[in-house]
Structures are given as structure tokens and as C-alpha cells.
């Protein structure tokens, strides 16, 4: 996926077609380093995404889901 900017807000990514649920899952992913608050001291500060890190995570996530699906079909 091509991103127009190196750092984007959640709203901009949603306008590109990513869902709110997917972005929230990315934020909550253990060990992630690509999503952070613009001002961590403020509760309502918007999240900023490093698009290069997000893309790497998205590809890894898709590969893991494919492996799980393959395992499920071979177990039966």
C-alpha cells in the first residue's frame, strides 16, 4: 500500500480505507513502535502513525493470519 506522507493521523488513514477497529488493534499490538500520541501528556491527543512501520506490521499480520488459516485446514 502506498502512503502519501511518512507520518499520518488516524483520520487520514481511515480516509484511505483502513478501518477504525484495525487501527486500534495496531495501536494495541504488543511491542509496536509505529503509533504514538502527538502529545502524550494530553488524554485526547491524536495518534500519529509512522506509515513505514505500519506497513511492515500490516504485512506481518497478514502473513500470520494466512499461516493460521493454513494450519486450520490441514488439522481437519
C-alpha atoms as a PDB file:
ATOM      1  CA  UNK A   1       0.000   0.000   0.000  1.00  0.00           C
ATOM      2  CA  UNK A   2       1.324   3.448  -0.878  1.00  0.00           C
ATOM      3  CA  UNK A   3       1.028   6.240   1.678  1.00  0.00           C
ATOM      4  CA  UNK A   4       1.211   9.915   0.644  1.00  0.00           C
ATOM      5  CA  UNK A   5       3.095  11.008   3.786  1.00  0.00           C
ATOM      6  CA  UNK A   6       5.664   9.396   6.096  1.00  0.00           C
ATOM      7  CA  UNK A   7       3.567  10.252   9.196  1.00  0.00           C
ATOM      8  CA  UNK A   8      -0.228  10.285   9.166  1.00  0.00           C
ATOM      9  CA  UNK A   9      -3.080  10.691  11.635  1.00  0.00           C
ATOM     10  CA  UNK A  10      -5.723   8.058  12.254  1.00  0.00           C
ATOM     11  CA  UNK A  11      -8.351  10.083  10.359  1.00  0.00           C
ATOM     12  CA  UNK A  12      -6.154  10.298   7.254  1.00  0.00           C
ATOM     13  CA  UNK A  13      -5.574   6.542   7.284  1.00  0.00           C
ATOM     14  CA  UNK A  14      -9.298   5.918   7.682  1.00  0.00           C
ATOM     15  CA  UNK A  15      -9.916   8.111   4.623  1.00  0.00           C
ATOM     16  CA  UNK A  16      -7.549   5.766   2.724  1.00  0.00           C
ATOM     17  CA  UNK A  17      -9.753   2.773   3.582  1.00  0.00           C
ATOM     18  CA  UNK A  18      -8.325   1.341   6.815  1.00  0.00           C
ATOM     19  CA  UNK A  19     -10.942   0.729   9.484  1.00  0.00           C
ATOM     20  CA  UNK A  20     -11.009   2.234  12.963  1.00  0.00           C
ATOM     21  CA  UNK A  21     -11.018  -1.254  14.505  1.00  0.00           C
ATOM     22  CA  UNK A  22      -7.914  -2.251  12.513  1.00  0.00           C
ATOM     23  CA  UNK A  23      -6.016   0.910  13.510  1.00  0.00           C
ATOM     24  CA  UNK A  24      -6.966   0.471  17.173  1.00  0.00           C
ATOM     25  CA  UNK A  25      -5.676  -3.116  17.013  1.00  0.00           C
ATOM     26  CA  UNK A  26      -2.419  -1.812  15.551  1.00  0.00           C
ATOM     27  CA  UNK A  27      -2.094   0.700  18.394  1.00  0.00           C
ATOM     28  CA  UNK A  28      -2.672  -2.021  20.990  1.00  0.00           C
ATOM     29  CA  UNK A  29      -0.286  -4.540  19.381  1.00  0.00           C
ATOM     30  CA  UNK A  30       2.383  -5.636  21.858  1.00  0.00           C
ATOM     31  CA  UNK A  31       5.794  -4.152  21.106  1.00  0.00           C
ATOM     32  CA  UNK A  32       4.638  -1.820  18.346  1.00  0.00           C
ATOM     33  CA  UNK A  33       6.769   1.295  17.809  1.00  0.00           C
ATOM     34  CA  UNK A  34       4.990   2.948  14.873  1.00  0.00           C
ATOM     35  CA  UNK A  35       1.955   4.549  16.593  1.00  0.00           C
ATOM     36  CA  UNK A  36       2.263   7.233  19.234  1.00  0.00           C
ATOM     37  CA  UNK A  37       0.369  10.175  20.651  1.00  0.00           C
ATOM     38  CA  UNK A  38       1.274  13.610  19.371  1.00  0.00           C
ATOM     39  CA  UNK A  39       1.384  14.907  22.967  1.00  0.00           C
ATOM     40  CA  UNK A  40       1.455  12.008  25.459  1.00  0.00           C
ATOM     41  CA  UNK A  41       0.620  14.299  28.395  1.00  0.00           C
ATOM     42  CA  UNK A  42      -2.836  15.061  26.940  1.00  0.00           C
ATOM     43  CA  UNK A  43      -5.554  12.425  27.148  1.00  0.00           C
ATOM     44  CA  UNK A  44      -7.280  13.417  23.893  1.00  0.00           C
ATOM     45  CA  UNK A  45      -4.120  13.906  21.825  1.00  0.00           C
ATOM     46  CA  UNK A  46      -4.416  12.290  18.349  1.00  0.00           C
ATOM     47  CA  UNK A  47      -2.379   9.233  17.400  1.00  0.00           C
ATOM     48  CA  UNK A  48       0.281   9.629  14.724  1.00  0.00           C
ATOM     49  CA  UNK A  49       1.372   6.620  12.655  1.00  0.00           C
ATOM     50  CA  UNK A  50       4.777   6.079  11.079  1.00  0.00           C
ATOM     51  CA  UNK A  51       3.482   4.704   7.779  1.00  0.00           C
ATOM     52  CA  UNK A  52       6.609   2.670   7.024  1.00  0.00           C
ATOM     53  CA  UNK A  53       6.328   0.845  10.369  1.00  0.00           C
ATOM     54  CA  UNK A  54       2.571   0.419   9.932  1.00  0.00           C
ATOM     55  CA  UNK A  55       3.075  -1.194   6.528  1.00  0.00           C
ATOM     56  CA  UNK A  56       5.656  -3.641   7.915  1.00  0.00           C
ATOM     57  CA  UNK A  57       3.251  -4.557  10.742  1.00  0.00           C
ATOM     58  CA  UNK A  58       0.346  -4.916   8.291  1.00  0.00           C
ATOM     59  CA  UNK A  59       2.317  -7.346   6.110  1.00  0.00           C
ATOM     60  CA  UNK A  60       3.487  -9.385   9.128  1.00  0.00           C
ATOM     61  CA  UNK A  61      -0.079  -9.509  10.449  1.00  0.00           C
ATOM     62  CA  UNK A  62      -1.438 -10.731   7.089  1.00  0.00           C
ATOM     63  CA  UNK A  63       1.243 -13.431   6.873  1.00  0.00           C
ATOM     64  CA  UNK A  64       0.433 -14.665  10.391  1.00  0.00           C
ATOM     65  CA  UNK A  65      -3.280 -14.846   9.585  1.00  0.00           C
ATOM     66  CA  UNK A  66      -2.538 -16.844   6.418  1.00  0.00           C
ATOM     67  CA  UNK A  67      -0.415 -19.315   8.399  1.00  0.00           C
ATOM     68  CA  UNK A  68      -3.220 -19.795  10.928  1.00  0.00           C
ATOM     69  CA  UNK A  69      -5.722 -20.442   8.143  1.00  0.00           C
ATOM     70  CA  UNK A  70      -3.381 -22.996   6.544  1.00  0.00           C
ATOM     71  CA  UNK A  71      -2.940 -24.809   9.866  1.00  0.00           C
ATOM     72  CA  UNK A  72      -6.687 -24.981  10.393  1.00  0.00           C
ATOM     73  CA  UNK A  73      -7.271 -26.587   7.010  1.00  0.00           C
ATOM     74  CA  UNK A  74      -4.573 -29.220   7.495  1.00  0.00           C
ATOM     75  CA  UNK A  75      -5.691 -30.250  11.017  1.00  0.00           C
ATOM     76  CA  UNK A  76      -9.135 -31.476   9.952  1.00  0.00           C
END
